[in-house]
Amino acid sequence: MDKLERENKERWARNRFEFMVRDAERIKRYLECGEVKKAEQSSRFFKRNLLELNKLEKELNK
């Protein structure tokens, strides 16, 4: 992996993490308001971002 590709993957990983933080805040807000359906939908986004972040982490640790 060259330097530019590594920098891009690190940026993607940071972005995924930021998305997860926002999703977690959104899930908490929805649950506090009793919007279970919306919280479930946001949790799917959270899980997808977590899987993508784990994949990027493995690629960066090679």
C-alpha atoms as a PDB file:
ATOM      1  CA  MET A   1       0.000   0.000   0.000  1.00  0.00           C
ATOM      2  CA  ASP A   2       1.552   3.297  -1.032  1.00  0.00           C
ATOM      3  CA  LYS A   3       1.550   6.453   1.080  1.00  0.00           C
ATOM      4  CA  LEU A   4      -1.376   8.124  -0.706  1.00  0.00           C
ATOM      5  CA  GLU A   5      -3.561   5.020  -0.465  1.00  0.00           C
ATOM      6  CA  ARG A   6      -2.748   4.716   3.238  1.00  0.00           C
ATOM      7  CA  GLU A   7      -3.643   8.374   3.862  1.00  0.00           C
ATOM      8  CA  ASN A   8      -6.956   7.894   2.052  1.00  0.00           C
ATOM      9  CA  LYS A   9      -7.816   4.805   4.090  1.00  0.00           C
ATOM     10  CA  GLU A  10      -6.949   6.623   7.316  1.00  0.00           C
ATOM     11  CA  ARG A  11      -9.228   9.506   6.290  1.00  0.00           C
ATOM     12  CA  TRP A  12     -12.029   7.055   5.448  1.00  0.00           C
ATOM     13  CA  ALA A  13     -11.569   5.398   8.841  1.00  0.00           C
ATOM     14  CA  ARG A  14     -11.828   8.765  10.628  1.00  0.00           C
ATOM     15  CA  ASN A  15     -14.962   9.611   8.639  1.00  0.00           C
ATOM     16  CA  ARG A  16     -16.556   6.246   9.467  1.00  0.00           C
ATOM     17  CA  PHE A  17     -15.803   6.808  13.142  1.00  0.00           C
ATOM     18  CA  GLU A  18     -17.391  10.276  13.024  1.00  0.00           C
ATOM     19  CA  PHE A  19     -20.470   8.769  11.349  1.00  0.00           C
ATOM     20  CA  MET A  20     -20.680   6.190  14.138  1.00  0.00           C
ATOM     21  CA  VAL A  21     -20.531   8.907  16.808  1.00  0.00           C
ATOM     22  CA  ARG A  22     -23.342  10.815  15.096  1.00  0.00           C
ATOM     23  CA  ASP A  23     -25.380   7.628  14.699  1.00  0.00           C
ATOM     24  CA  ALA A  24     -24.924   6.791  18.388  1.00  0.00           C
ATOM     25  CA  GLU A  25     -26.083  10.277  19.390  1.00  0.00           C
ATOM     26  CA  ARG A  26     -29.062   9.964  17.050  1.00  0.00           C
ATOM     27  CA  ILE A  27     -29.963   6.515  18.448  1.00  0.00           C
ATOM     28  CA  LYS A  28     -29.841   7.876  21.999  1.00  0.00           C
ATOM     29  CA  ARG A  29     -32.039  10.844  21.059  1.00  0.00           C
ATOM     30  CA  TYR A  30     -34.569   8.606  19.294  1.00  0.00           C
ATOM     31  CA  LEU A  31     -34.759   6.216  22.240  1.00  0.00           C
ATOM     32  CA  GLU A  32     -35.269   9.096  24.663  1.00  0.00           C
ATOM     33  CA  CYS A  33     -38.198  10.267  22.497  1.00  0.00           C
ATOM     34  CA  GLY A  34     -39.643   6.756  22.220  1.00  0.00           C
ATOM     35  CA  GLU A  35     -38.963   6.499  18.472  1.00  0.00           C
ATOM     36  CA  VAL A  36     -37.915   2.840  18.496  1.00  0.00           C
ATOM     37  CA  LYS A  37     -38.334   2.307  14.740  1.00  0.00           C
ATOM     38  CA  LYS A  38     -36.035   5.225  13.895  1.00  0.00           C
ATOM     39  CA  ALA A  39     -33.522   4.047  16.510  1.00  0.00           C
ATOM     40  CA  GLU A  40     -33.454   0.595  14.899  1.00  0.00           C
ATOM     41  CA  GLN A  41     -32.833   2.121  11.485  1.00  0.00           C
ATOM     42  CA  SER A  42     -29.985   4.258  12.818  1.00  0.00           C
ATOM     43  CA  SER A  43     -28.505   1.225  14.556  1.00  0.00           C
ATOM     44  CA  ARG A  44     -28.274  -0.511  11.180  1.00  0.00           C
ATOM     45  CA  PHE A  45     -26.232   2.426   9.864  1.00  0.00           C
ATOM     46  CA  PHE A  46     -24.072   2.235  12.990  1.00  0.00           C
ATOM     47  CA  LYS A  47     -23.443  -1.487  12.498  1.00  0.00           C
ATOM     48  CA  ARG A  48     -22.634  -1.030   8.811  1.00  0.00           C
ATOM     49  CA  ASN A  49     -20.124   1.709   9.640  1.00  0.00           C
ATOM     50  CA  LEU A  50     -18.603  -0.482  12.352  1.00  0.00           C
ATOM     51  CA  LEU A  51     -18.078  -3.326   9.884  1.00  0.00           C
ATOM     52  CA  GLU A  52     -16.526  -0.958   7.350  1.00  0.00           C
ATOM     53  CA  LEU A  53     -14.278   0.558  10.020  1.00  0.00           C
ATOM     54  CA  ASN A  54     -13.091  -2.906  11.090  1.00  0.00           C
ATOM     55  CA  LYS A  55     -12.318  -3.752   7.464  1.00  0.00           C
ATOM     56  CA  LEU A  56     -10.295  -0.561   7.023  1.00  0.00           C
ATOM     57  CA  GLU A  57      -8.462  -1.202  10.291  1.00  0.00           C
ATOM     58  CA  LYS A  58      -7.414  -4.668   9.118  1.00  0.00           C
ATOM     59  CA  GLU A  59      -6.170  -3.240   5.817  1.00  0.00           C
ATOM     60  CA  LEU A  60      -4.170  -0.547   7.606  1.00  0.00           C
ATOM     61  CA  ASN A  61      -2.594  -3.040  10.024  1.00  0.00           C
ATOM     62  CA  LYS A  62      -1.215  -5.270   7.273  1.00  0.00           C
END
